C-alpha atoms as a PDB file:
ATOM      1  CA  UNK A   1      -7.975 -73.964  -3.072  1.00  0.00           C
ATOM      2  CA  UNK A   2     -11.641 -74.484  -3.048  1.00  0.00           C
ATOM      3  CA  UNK A   3     -14.045 -72.026  -4.565  1.00  0.00           C
ATOM      4  CA  UNK A   4     -16.737 -71.782  -6.236  1.00  0.00           C
ATOM      5  CA  UNK A   5     -18.742 -68.812  -8.786  1.00  0.00           C
ATOM      6  CA  UNK A   6     -22.084 -67.740  -9.770  1.00  0.00           C
ATOM      7  CA  UNK A   7     -22.945 -68.545 -13.462  1.00  0.00           C
ATOM      8  CA  UNK A   8     -26.803 -67.714 -13.284  1.00  0.00           C
ATOM      9  CA  UNK A   9     -28.174 -65.953 -10.893  1.00  0.00           C
ATOM     10  CA  UNK A  10     -32.806 -65.358 -11.178  1.00  0.00           C
ATOM     11  CA  UNK A  11     -34.308 -63.813  -7.995  1.00  0.00           C
ATOM     12  CA  UNK A  12     -38.182 -62.642  -7.823  1.00  0.00           C
ATOM     13  CA  UNK A  13     -40.240 -61.311  -5.175  1.00  0.00           C
ATOM     14  CA  UNK A  14     -42.589 -64.227  -3.660  1.00  0.00           C
ATOM     15  CA  UNK A  15     -44.213 -62.071  -0.657  1.00  0.00           C
ATOM     16  CA  UNK A  16     -43.911 -58.714   0.086  1.00  0.00           C
ATOM     17  CA  UNK A  17     -42.861 -55.756  -2.219  1.00  0.00           C
ATOM     18  CA  UNK A  18     -39.442 -54.161  -3.083  1.00  0.00           C
ATOM     19  CA  UNK A  19     -37.908 -51.974   0.320  1.00  0.00           C
ATOM     20  CA  UNK A  20     -40.204 -53.838   2.680  1.00  0.00           C
ATOM     21  CA  UNK A  21     -39.725 -56.724   4.305  1.00  0.00           C
ATOM     22  CA  UNK A  22     -40.210 -59.678   1.701  1.00  0.00           C
ATOM     23  CA  UNK A  23     -39.475 -62.689   0.574  1.00  0.00           C
ATOM     24  CA  UNK A  24     -37.764 -63.545  -2.617  1.00  0.00           C
ATOM     25  CA  UNK A  25     -37.069 -66.536  -4.178  1.00  0.00           C
ATOM     26  CA  UNK A  26     -33.663 -67.533  -6.027  1.00  0.00           C
ATOM     27  CA  UNK A  27     -32.918 -69.996  -8.637  1.00  0.00           C
ATOM     28  CA  UNK A  28     -29.351 -70.033  -9.223  1.00  0.00           C
ATOM     29  CA  UNK A  29     -26.317 -72.029 -11.352  1.00  0.00           C
ATOM     30  CA  UNK A  30     -22.879 -72.511  -9.417  1.00  0.00           C
ATOM     31  CA  UNK A  31     -19.358 -73.382 -10.429  1.00  0.00           C
ATOM     32  CA  UNK A  32     -16.542 -75.506  -8.174  1.00  0.00           C
ATOM     33  CA  UNK A  33     -13.561 -76.060  -8.383  1.00  0.00           C
ATOM     34  CA  UNK A  34     -11.081 -78.209  -5.769  1.00  0.00           C
ATOM     35  CA  UNK A  35     -12.579 -81.370  -3.586  1.00  0.00           C
ATOM     36  CA  UNK A  36     -15.513 -81.026  -5.647  1.00  0.00           C
ATOM     37  CA  UNK A  37     -15.365 -80.239  -9.875  1.00  0.00           C
ATOM     38  CA  UNK A  38     -18.564 -79.944 -11.301  1.00  0.00           C
ATOM     39  CA  UNK A  39     -21.938 -78.005 -11.641  1.00  0.00           C
ATOM     40  CA  UNK A  40     -25.189 -76.868  -9.109  1.00  0.00           C
ATOM     41  CA  UNK A  41     -28.398 -75.797  -9.058  1.00  0.00           C
ATOM     42  CA  UNK A  42     -29.639 -73.546  -6.378  1.00  0.00           C
ATOM     43  CA  UNK A  43     -32.878 -73.101  -4.755  1.00  0.00           C
ATOM     44  CA  UNK A  44     -32.555 -70.435  -2.060  1.00  0.00           C
ATOM     45  CA  UNK A  45     -35.437 -68.955   0.116  1.00  0.00           C
ATOM     46  CA  UNK A  46     -34.338 -65.505   0.712  1.00  0.00           C
ATOM     47  CA  UNK A  47     -36.145 -63.168   3.877  1.00  0.00           C
ATOM     48  CA  UNK A  48     -35.725 -59.571   3.606  1.00  0.00           C
ATOM     49  CA  UNK A  49     -36.336 -57.225   6.217  1.00  0.00           C
ATOM     50  CA  UNK A  50     -36.527 -54.631   4.520  1.00  0.00           C
ATOM     51  CA  UNK A  51     -35.397 -50.520   4.054  1.00  0.00           C
ATOM     52  CA  UNK A  52     -34.446 -49.242   7.606  1.00  0.00           C
ATOM     53  CA  UNK A  53     -33.552 -52.597   9.453  1.00  0.00           C
ATOM     54  CA  UNK A  54     -29.360 -52.392  10.133  1.00  0.00           C
ATOM     55  CA  UNK A  55     -29.776 -55.509  13.216  1.00  0.00           C
ATOM     56  CA  UNK A  56     -27.460 -57.512  10.715  1.00  0.00           C
ATOM     57  CA  UNK A  57     -28.030 -60.911   8.568  1.00  0.00           C
ATOM     58  CA  UNK A  58     -31.206 -62.332   7.431  1.00  0.00           C
ATOM     59  CA  UNK A  59     -31.497 -65.877   6.788  1.00  0.00           C
ATOM     60  CA  UNK A  60     -31.754 -68.007   3.769  1.00  0.00           C
ATOM     61  CA  UNK A  61     -32.455 -71.764   3.714  1.00  0.00           C
ATOM     62  CA  UNK A  62     -31.712 -73.843   1.039  1.00  0.00           C
ATOM     63  CA  UNK A  63     -31.172 -76.877  -1.483  1.00  0.00           C
ATOM     64  CA  UNK A  64     -28.498 -77.518  -4.175  1.00  0.00           C
ATOM     65  CA  UNK A  65     -28.220 -80.140  -6.179  1.00  0.00           C
ATOM     66  CA  UNK A  66     -24.606 -80.588  -7.315  1.00  0.00           C
ATOM     67  CA  UNK A  67     -23.036 -82.797 -10.740  1.00  0.00           C
ATOM     68  CA  UNK A  68     -19.688 -83.679 -10.480  1.00  0.00           C
ATOM     69  CA  UNK A  69     -16.524 -85.258  -9.076  1.00  0.00           C
ATOM     70  CA  UNK A  70     -15.442 -85.466  -4.998  1.00  0.00           C
ATOM     71  CA  UNK A  71     -12.434 -87.339  -4.814  1.00  0.00           C
ATOM     72  CA  UNK A  72     -12.368 -88.645  -8.291  1.00  0.00           C
ATOM     73  CA  UNK A  73     -15.338 -90.080  -8.492  1.00  0.00           C
ATOM     74  CA  UNK A  74     -18.347 -89.085 -10.561  1.00  0.00           C
ATOM     75  CA  UNK A  75     -22.283 -88.441  -9.307  1.00  0.00           C
ATOM     76  CA  UNK A  76     -24.851 -86.022  -7.828  1.00  0.00           C
ATOM     77  CA  UNK A  77     -25.736 -85.327  -3.893  1.00  0.00           C
ATOM     78  CA  UNK A  78     -27.654 -82.952  -2.473  1.00  0.00           C
ATOM     79  CA  UNK A  79     -26.653 -80.520  -0.160  1.00  0.00           C
ATOM     80  CA  UNK A  80     -29.052 -78.170   2.866  1.00  0.00           C
ATOM     81  CA  UNK A  81     -27.761 -74.878   3.074  1.00  0.00           C
ATOM     82  CA  UNK A  82     -28.379 -72.314   5.837  1.00  0.00           C
ATOM     83  CA  UNK A  83     -27.174 -69.133   4.510  1.00  0.00           C
ATOM     84  CA  UNK A  84     -26.918 -65.426   6.652  1.00  0.00           C
ATOM     85  CA  UNK A  85     -26.697 -62.782   4.317  1.00  0.00           C
ATOM     86  CA  UNK A  86     -26.245 -58.577   4.783  1.00  0.00           C
ATOM     87  CA  UNK A  87     -25.116 -56.074   2.605  1.00  0.00           C
ATOM     88  CA  UNK A  88     -21.395 -56.767   3.056  1.00  0.00           C
ATOM     89  CA  UNK A  89     -21.516 -60.786   2.573  1.00  0.00           C
ATOM     90  CA  UNK A  90     -22.802 -64.102   3.119  1.00  0.00           C
ATOM     91  CA  UNK A  91     -21.684 -67.162   4.786  1.00  0.00           C
ATOM     92  CA  UNK A  92     -23.293 -70.441   5.531  1.00  0.00           C
ATOM     93  CA  UNK A  93     -23.216 -73.947   6.789  1.00  0.00           C
ATOM     94  CA  UNK A  94     -24.345 -77.389   4.871  1.00  0.00           C
ATOM     95  CA  UNK A  95     -24.678 -80.526   5.279  1.00  0.00           C
ATOM     96  CA  UNK A  96     -24.967 -83.242   2.866  1.00  0.00           C
ATOM     97  CA  UNK A  97     -28.128 -84.836   2.647  1.00  0.00           C
ATOM     98  CA  UNK A  98     -28.695 -88.324   3.709  1.00  0.00           C
ATOM     99  CA  UNK A  99     -29.172 -90.674   1.145  1.00  0.00           C
ATOM    100  CA  UNK A 100     -28.989 -88.242  -1.535  1.00  0.00           C
ATOM    101  CA  UNK A 101     -26.029 -89.786  -3.512  1.00  0.00           C
ATOM    102  CA  UNK A 102     -26.194 -91.315  -6.551  1.00  0.00           C
ATOM    103  CA  UNK A 103     -23.184 -93.402  -9.056  1.00  0.00           C
ATOM    104  CA  UNK A 104     -19.560 -93.404  -7.572  1.00  0.00           C
ATOM    105  CA  UNK A 105     -20.850 -90.452  -5.110  1.00  0.00           C
ATOM    106  CA  UNK A 106     -23.383 -93.240  -3.034  1.00  0.00           C
ATOM    107  CA  UNK A 107     -22.631 -92.959   0.554  1.00  0.00           C
ATOM    108  CA  UNK A 108     -21.483 -89.564   0.670  1.00  0.00           C
ATOM    109  CA  UNK A 109     -21.488 -88.050   4.248  1.00  0.00           C
ATOM    110  CA  UNK A 110     -20.136 -84.797   5.249  1.00  0.00           C
ATOM    111  CA  UNK A 111     -20.795 -80.832   6.208  1.00  0.00           C
ATOM    112  CA  UNK A 112     -18.921 -77.607   5.699  1.00  0.00           C
ATOM    113  CA  UNK A 113     -18.833 -74.114   4.816  1.00  0.00           C
ATOM    114  CA  UNK A 114     -19.097 -70.661   2.081  1.00  0.00           C
ATOM    115  CA  UNK A 115     -18.761 -67.488   2.966  1.00  0.00           C
ATOM    116  CA  UNK A 116     -17.166 -64.694   1.224  1.00  0.00           C
ATOM    117  CA  UNK A 117     -17.687 -60.596   0.259  1.00  0.00           C
ATOM    118  CA  UNK A 118     -20.581 -59.565  -2.034  1.00  0.00           C
ATOM    119  CA  UNK A 119     -19.777 -59.149  -5.693  1.00  0.00           C
ATOM    120  CA  UNK A 120     -16.586 -61.696  -5.205  1.00  0.00           C
ATOM    121  CA  UNK A 121     -16.196 -63.242  -9.020  1.00  0.00           C
ATOM    122  CA  UNK A 122     -14.973 -66.246  -6.603  1.00  0.00           C
ATOM    123  CA  UNK A 123     -16.058 -67.634  -3.036  1.00  0.00           C
ATOM    124  CA  UNK A 124     -13.893 -70.421  -0.853  1.00  0.00           C
ATOM    125  CA  UNK A 125     -15.525 -73.194   0.743  1.00  0.00           C
ATOM    126  CA  UNK A 126     -14.518 -75.889   2.912  1.00  0.00           C
ATOM    127  CA  UNK A 127     -16.005 -79.505   2.522  1.00  0.00           C
ATOM    128  CA  UNK A 128     -14.989 -82.589   5.160  1.00  0.00           C
ATOM    129  CA  UNK A 129     -16.634 -85.575   3.651  1.00  0.00           C
ATOM    130  CA  UNK A 130     -15.825 -89.071   3.909  1.00  0.00           C
ATOM    131  CA  UNK A 131     -17.781 -92.413   2.182  1.00  0.00           C
END
């Protein structure tokens, strides 16, 4: 099964105030298992609409650098995510940034999805890839 977990989450408001429309930055460490084996650092730019906003999801672009293995090959690569989230959970679509893969992962291309409920210990992902 393809899953990942959050090892560390550091977040701070960049613009705006708590409870109101604001932008925050999060620096996160994830651990992967499954087709991707390894750890990553992800930097997210989060938009919070503020209290009283009830029309659903907000968006968050991010970049994630993964160090580990894919299909037994070792190296690094970068994903470009577009997250959506609300109080219940999150989802993202992602693509491998062209030319970002190194070492045994050089030439890696691909895309996938993540998603889960807020507070889950491990979250599933899909990843379709080629070398």
